[in-house]
Each structure stands twice: as C-alpha cells, then as structure tokens.
Amino acid sequence: MSEKIAKKRPSKIAERGLSAKRGSPPESDSLYKRIYATVKKIPRGKVASYGQVARVAGLERHARMVGYALHALNEEDVERVPWQRVINAQGYISIRSNPMAAKIQRKLLEHEGIEFDHRDKVDFKKFGWKK
C-alpha cells in the first residue's frame, strides 16, 4: 500500500508549483497577495464565492486556496481585507473551525446590508459581485 502512495501523481496544485499549505502564505510567489487584492475589490454590500475569487485572481479551480489564504490572514490584514464578503457558492457562510467566526462574519455582512433568508442563505442574484 505504501508503494501506491509513493507512486501517486502530484496534485494539480503541486504540478503548477503552487502551495496550498494552510496557514502559511507561499514564500516563492505572491498568490495569497493576489487573492487578498481580489477580495479587496469586492464592493461593500456584495459577496463573492471562493471559486469566483480564485477565477478573478487568475487561479482557476483553486477555490480551496482562497479559503486557506483567508484563514491565514493576520490580525493587521483582517482589518484591511474584507474577508467576510467571501462565502461558498451555495450562498452560505463556510466557516466550520470556529462557530464564533461565522457569527462575526454574518454580523459584518448584515452591517453592510447583506440579507440572509430563513435558511441562512445569501441570494447571489441580489447580492453577488458582478465580476
């Protein structure tokens, strides 16, 4: 079984020389900075999906990396990068590791005028970033 693991093809991320290691921005590239710059473009009162942010940042099919990048924000950057405006493609808040963070994200979005329906879902037709 260990032979199978050793022969396993590298992931698409690894093939492209990208790092998706959680919690640590890639040293050799400014991928996280590209993601943060894209998130900063989302206007107040609008939301985008992780996949949309990845696509606009030029990282097609790397939605998970967007999540890793947002998770890796330090305290200073949290104030400058509107991380709360990124939700999943179904319109839900996706924070699983810290339920308090999900409550904070919802409050921040509501403060910006984003509305949630009875299922705690955001309507992308009404509040989605058109990019």
Protein backbone atom coordinates (compact mmCIF):
# COMPACT_ATOMS: atom_id res chain seq x y z
CA MET A 1 0.00 0.00 0.00
CA SER A 2 2.84 2.41 0.76
CA GLU A 3 4.12 1.84 -2.80
CA LYS A 4 0.81 3.14 -4.15
CA ILE A 5 1.13 6.26 -2.05
CA ALA A 6 4.71 6.82 -3.19
CA LYS A 7 3.72 6.48 -6.87
CA LYS A 8 0.72 8.78 -6.57
CA ARG A 9 0.80 11.67 -9.04
CA PRO A 10 1.33 15.11 -7.56
CA SER A 11 -1.76 17.24 -7.29
CA LYS A 12 -2.56 19.89 -9.89
CA ILE A 13 -1.52 22.49 -7.35
CA ALA A 14 1.87 20.84 -6.86
CA GLU A 15 2.34 20.39 -10.62
CA ARG A 16 1.94 24.12 -11.12
CA GLY A 17 4.37 24.92 -8.33
CA LEU A 18 1.63 26.38 -6.17
CA SER A 19 1.46 25.95 -2.44
CA ALA A 20 -1.86 25.42 -0.73
CA LYS A 21 -0.45 24.75 2.70
CA ARG A 22 -2.90 26.04 5.26
CA GLY A 23 -1.81 28.88 7.44
CA SER A 24 1.38 29.84 5.63
CA PRO A 25 1.49 32.00 2.52
CA PRO A 26 3.77 30.68 -0.23
CA GLU A 27 7.23 32.18 0.04
CA SER A 28 8.17 32.00 -3.64
CA ASP A 29 5.02 33.50 -5.08
CA SER A 30 2.57 36.18 -4.12
CA LEU A 31 -0.52 34.03 -4.61
CA TYR A 32 -2.06 34.99 -1.30
CA LYS A 33 -1.41 38.65 -2.08
CA ARG A 34 -3.23 38.20 -5.41
CA ILE A 35 -6.14 36.64 -3.54
CA TYR A 36 -6.19 39.47 -0.98
CA ALA A 37 -6.06 42.09 -3.75
CA THR A 38 -9.04 40.42 -5.43
CA VAL A 39 -11.04 40.25 -2.19
CA LYS A 40 -10.37 43.97 -1.64
CA LYS A 41 -12.14 44.65 -4.97
CA ILE A 42 -15.45 43.16 -3.76
CA PRO A 43 -17.66 46.19 -3.08
CA ARG A 44 -19.36 46.81 0.23
CA GLY A 45 -22.80 45.17 0.19
CA LYS A 46 -21.73 42.43 -2.24
CA VAL A 47 -20.43 38.88 -1.81
CA ALA A 48 -18.37 36.53 -3.94
CA SER A 49 -17.77 32.79 -3.83
CA TYR A 50 -14.39 31.24 -3.15
CA GLY A 51 -14.33 29.98 -6.73
CA GLN A 52 -15.15 33.40 -8.15
CA VAL A 53 -12.32 34.99 -6.17
CA ALA A 54 -9.93 32.29 -7.41
CA ARG A 55 -11.01 32.83 -11.02
CA VAL A 56 -10.68 36.63 -10.85
CA ALA A 57 -7.25 36.23 -9.19
CA GLY A 58 -6.13 34.04 -12.09
CA LEU A 59 -6.22 30.85 -10.02
CA GLU A 60 -8.98 28.97 -11.83
CA ARG A 61 -10.10 25.84 -9.94
CA HIS A 62 -8.27 26.83 -6.75
CA ALA A 63 -11.21 27.88 -4.58
CA ARG A 64 -9.80 25.97 -1.65
CA MET A 65 -6.62 28.05 -1.81
CA VAL A 66 -8.78 31.15 -1.34
CA GLY A 67 -10.10 29.61 1.87
CA TYR A 68 -6.58 28.83 3.04
CA ALA A 69 -5.47 32.39 2.26
CA LEU A 70 -8.36 33.94 4.17
CA HIS A 71 -7.75 31.58 7.08
CA ALA A 72 -4.10 32.71 7.13
CA LEU A 73 -4.89 36.43 7.47
CA ASN A 74 -3.05 38.00 10.37
CA GLU A 75 -4.75 40.48 12.71
CA GLU A 76 -3.49 43.50 10.81
CA ASP A 77 -4.67 42.20 7.42
CA VAL A 78 -8.09 41.18 8.78
CA GLU A 79 -8.77 44.89 9.15
CA ARG A 80 -7.75 45.64 5.54
CA VAL A 81 -9.07 42.60 3.65
CA PRO A 82 -12.89 42.29 3.70
CA TRP A 83 -12.76 38.51 4.22
CA GLN A 84 -16.40 38.45 5.31
CA ARG A 85 -17.52 39.09 1.71
CA VAL A 86 -16.40 35.62 0.60
CA ILE A 87 -18.95 32.83 1.07
CA ASN A 88 -19.49 29.46 -0.56
CA ALA A 89 -21.04 29.01 -4.00
CA GLN A 90 -24.36 27.92 -2.47
CA GLY A 91 -24.69 31.24 -0.64
CA TYR A 92 -23.78 30.04 2.84
CA ILE A 93 -21.07 31.05 5.29
CA SER A 94 -18.48 28.28 5.28
CA ILE A 95 -16.53 28.73 8.50
CA ARG A 96 -16.51 25.38 10.25
CA SER A 97 -13.50 25.56 12.55
CA ASN A 98 -14.76 28.45 14.66
CA PRO A 99 -18.52 28.94 15.10
CA MET A 100 -17.90 32.37 16.63
CA ALA A 101 -16.17 33.49 13.41
CA ALA A 102 -19.29 32.53 11.44
CA LYS A 103 -21.40 34.72 13.73
CA ILE A 104 -18.95 37.59 13.30
CA GLN A 105 -18.99 37.15 9.52
CA ARG A 106 -22.77 37.23 9.44
CA LYS A 107 -22.91 40.38 11.60
CA LEU A 108 -20.36 42.13 9.38
CA LEU A 109 -22.32 41.21 6.25
CA GLU A 110 -25.63 42.32 7.75
CA HIS A 111 -23.99 45.61 8.74
CA GLU A 112 -23.15 46.06 5.03
CA GLY A 113 -26.79 45.45 4.09
CA ILE A 114 -26.49 41.80 3.05
CA GLU A 115 -29.66 39.87 3.83
CA PHE A 116 -29.98 36.21 4.78
CA ASP A 117 -33.10 34.17 4.12
CA HIS A 118 -34.79 31.79 6.57
CA ARG A 119 -32.17 29.13 5.68
CA ASP A 120 -29.26 31.50 6.48
CA LYS A 121 -28.52 31.81 2.78
CA VAL A 122 -27.46 34.87 0.73
CA ASP A 123 -29.09 35.41 -2.67
CA PHE A 124 -26.28 35.77 -5.23
CA LYS A 125 -28.71 37.26 -7.75
CA LYS A 126 -29.30 40.16 -5.39
CA PHE A 127 -26.00 40.46 -3.52
CA GLY A 128 -23.46 38.74 -5.76
CA TRP A 129 -20.44 40.62 -7.07
CA LYS A 130 -20.74 41.00 -10.83
CA LYS A 131 -17.19 40.43 -11.97
